């Protein structure tokens, strides 16, 4: 993939962590498949970015169905979407305490209209757009080490 050589994955990982931490601090982060589905249904235009933690979903058919529906919804509503492969690390980043399945799906909503755009989120959107141009519709990002 030529783009990954031009746009290093280390930069993408760092941007993902920055976007998650910024959204968490600003109250723009939602974790949980059902909680995310509620927001997508109520106000799809408010959703900017979607993450799916796919490290253990192979053995869970219900989760696979949810992920398929979420991906289709994101494609239909022009929402950038990526997979991450470490549910525990994502859980630690988003602060979902207790049950790990809370972080299987994480949404970042748009910043308030009167605020600056999130530069890390913009980099992630560019990464997703470029990945789609190489027919990688749901690219995977490895979360950075702590």
Protein backbone atom coordinates (compact mmCIF):
# COMPACT_ATOMS: atom_id res chain seq x y z
CA UNK A 1 0.00 0.00 0.00
CA UNK A 2 1.69 3.18 -1.23
CA UNK A 3 -0.31 5.45 1.09
CA UNK A 4 0.92 3.68 4.20
CA UNK A 5 4.48 4.48 3.12
CA UNK A 6 3.64 8.16 2.65
CA UNK A 7 1.43 8.35 5.74
CA UNK A 8 3.22 6.27 8.39
CA UNK A 9 1.13 3.98 10.53
CA UNK A 10 2.90 5.32 13.63
CA UNK A 11 1.41 8.73 12.84
CA UNK A 12 -2.02 7.16 12.37
CA UNK A 13 -1.78 5.31 15.70
CA UNK A 14 -0.75 8.49 17.47
CA UNK A 15 -3.59 10.44 15.82
CA UNK A 16 -6.08 7.79 16.90
CA UNK A 17 -4.95 7.95 20.53
CA UNK A 18 -5.01 11.78 20.45
CA UNK A 19 -8.49 11.86 18.91
CA UNK A 20 -9.83 9.41 21.52
CA UNK A 21 -8.32 11.31 24.44
CA UNK A 22 -9.50 14.67 23.11
CA UNK A 23 -13.04 13.38 22.50
CA UNK A 24 -13.11 11.80 25.96
CA UNK A 25 -12.02 15.06 27.60
CA UNK A 26 -14.68 17.00 25.67
CA UNK A 27 -17.49 14.49 26.32
CA UNK A 28 -17.72 13.48 22.63
CA UNK A 29 -17.01 9.78 23.16
CA UNK A 30 -19.59 6.99 23.32
CA UNK A 31 -18.68 3.37 24.06
CA UNK A 32 -20.87 0.30 23.70
CA UNK A 33 -22.63 -1.28 20.74
CA UNK A 34 -26.13 -0.38 21.92
CA UNK A 35 -25.22 3.12 23.10
CA UNK A 36 -23.53 3.84 19.77
CA UNK A 37 -26.52 2.47 17.84
CA UNK A 38 -28.83 4.83 19.75
CA UNK A 39 -26.72 7.86 18.77
CA UNK A 40 -26.41 6.71 15.15
CA UNK A 41 -30.17 6.27 14.95
CA UNK A 42 -31.08 9.53 16.69
CA UNK A 43 -28.55 11.86 15.04
CA UNK A 44 -26.26 10.28 12.42
CA UNK A 45 -24.97 13.71 11.36
CA UNK A 46 -23.41 14.18 14.81
CA UNK A 47 -21.15 11.13 14.38
CA UNK A 48 -17.68 11.83 13.06
CA UNK A 49 -15.75 8.60 13.58
CA UNK A 50 -16.37 4.96 14.51
CA UNK A 51 -14.03 2.32 15.93
CA UNK A 52 -14.75 -1.39 16.10
CA UNK A 53 -12.66 -3.61 18.38
CA UNK A 54 -12.36 -6.88 16.47
CA UNK A 55 -9.89 -8.94 18.45
CA UNK A 56 -12.41 -11.43 19.86
CA UNK A 57 -15.50 -11.02 17.71
CA UNK A 58 -14.83 -14.08 15.52
CA UNK A 59 -16.50 -16.36 18.07
CA UNK A 60 -19.50 -14.08 18.69
CA UNK A 61 -22.05 -14.25 15.85
CA UNK A 62 -24.29 -11.57 17.38
CA UNK A 63 -21.36 -9.15 17.53
CA UNK A 64 -20.47 -9.96 13.91
CA UNK A 65 -24.03 -9.06 12.87
CA UNK A 66 -23.90 -5.81 14.85
CA UNK A 67 -20.56 -4.92 13.26
CA UNK A 68 -21.90 -5.62 9.77
CA UNK A 69 -24.88 -3.33 10.40
CA UNK A 70 -22.71 -0.62 11.96
CA UNK A 71 -20.29 -0.74 9.00
CA UNK A 72 -23.16 -0.47 6.51
CA UNK A 73 -24.61 2.45 8.46
CA UNK A 74 -21.24 4.22 8.50
CA UNK A 75 -20.79 3.73 4.74
CA UNK A 76 -24.31 5.02 4.05
CA UNK A 77 -23.79 8.09 6.25
CA UNK A 78 -20.19 8.90 5.22
CA UNK A 79 -18.77 8.18 8.69
CA UNK A 80 -15.10 7.19 8.83
CA UNK A 81 -14.64 3.77 10.39
CA UNK A 82 -11.63 1.70 11.46
CA UNK A 83 -10.98 -1.58 13.21
CA UNK A 84 -8.65 -1.88 16.17
CA UNK A 85 -7.33 -5.22 17.31
CA UNK A 86 -6.86 -4.70 21.06
CA UNK A 87 -10.08 -4.43 23.06
CA UNK A 88 -8.25 -4.16 26.39
CA UNK A 89 -6.08 -1.26 25.23
CA UNK A 90 -9.07 0.50 23.66
CA UNK A 91 -11.00 -0.04 26.86
CA UNK A 92 -8.14 1.53 28.82
CA UNK A 93 -8.01 4.54 26.46
CA UNK A 94 -11.75 5.24 26.53
CA UNK A 95 -12.07 4.52 30.22
CA UNK A 96 -14.87 1.96 29.99
CA UNK A 97 -14.70 0.35 33.41
CA UNK A 98 -15.86 -3.15 34.14
CA UNK A 99 -17.12 -5.18 31.21
CA UNK A 100 -14.77 -5.22 28.24
CA UNK A 101 -17.59 -5.51 25.73
CA UNK A 102 -18.43 -1.87 26.50
CA UNK A 103 -15.65 -0.82 24.10
CA UNK A 104 -16.44 -3.12 21.15
CA UNK A 105 -17.86 -0.07 19.39
CA UNK A 106 -16.73 3.49 20.10
CA UNK A 107 -18.04 6.66 18.47
CA UNK A 108 -16.53 10.11 18.35
CA UNK A 109 -19.11 12.82 17.76
CA UNK A 110 -18.38 16.10 15.99
CA UNK A 111 -16.87 18.99 17.94
CA UNK A 112 -19.21 21.86 18.82
CA UNK A 113 -19.77 24.24 15.94
CA UNK A 114 -17.96 27.10 17.67
CA UNK A 115 -14.83 25.04 18.42
CA UNK A 116 -11.76 24.30 16.32
CA UNK A 117 -11.62 21.14 14.28
CA UNK A 118 -9.70 18.31 15.90
CA UNK A 119 -6.44 17.96 13.87
CA UNK A 120 -5.94 14.34 14.98
CA UNK A 121 -9.46 13.48 13.80
CA UNK A 122 -8.80 15.19 10.47
CA UNK A 123 -5.68 13.02 9.99
CA UNK A 124 -7.77 9.92 10.69
CA UNK A 125 -10.39 10.99 8.15
CA UNK A 126 -7.64 11.45 5.55
CA UNK A 127 -6.22 8.01 6.41
CA UNK A 128 -9.65 6.41 5.97
CA UNK A 129 -10.32 8.24 2.72
CA UNK A 130 -6.97 7.20 1.30
CA UNK A 131 -7.50 3.60 2.47
CA UNK A 132 -10.83 3.50 0.63
CA UNK A 133 -9.07 4.58 -2.55
CA UNK A 134 -7.07 1.33 -2.23
CA UNK A 135 -10.28 -0.66 -1.62
CA UNK A 136 -9.50 -1.09 2.06
CA UNK A 137 -12.97 -0.12 3.27
CA UNK A 138 -12.47 -0.69 7.00
CA UNK A 139 -8.75 -0.28 7.66
CA UNK A 140 -7.19 -1.67 10.82
CA UNK A 141 -5.08 0.42 13.16
CA UNK A 142 -2.99 -1.06 15.94
CA UNK A 143 -3.35 1.04 19.07
CA UNK A 144 -0.12 2.59 20.38
CA UNK A 145 1.63 1.13 23.40
CA UNK A 146 1.21 3.10 26.58
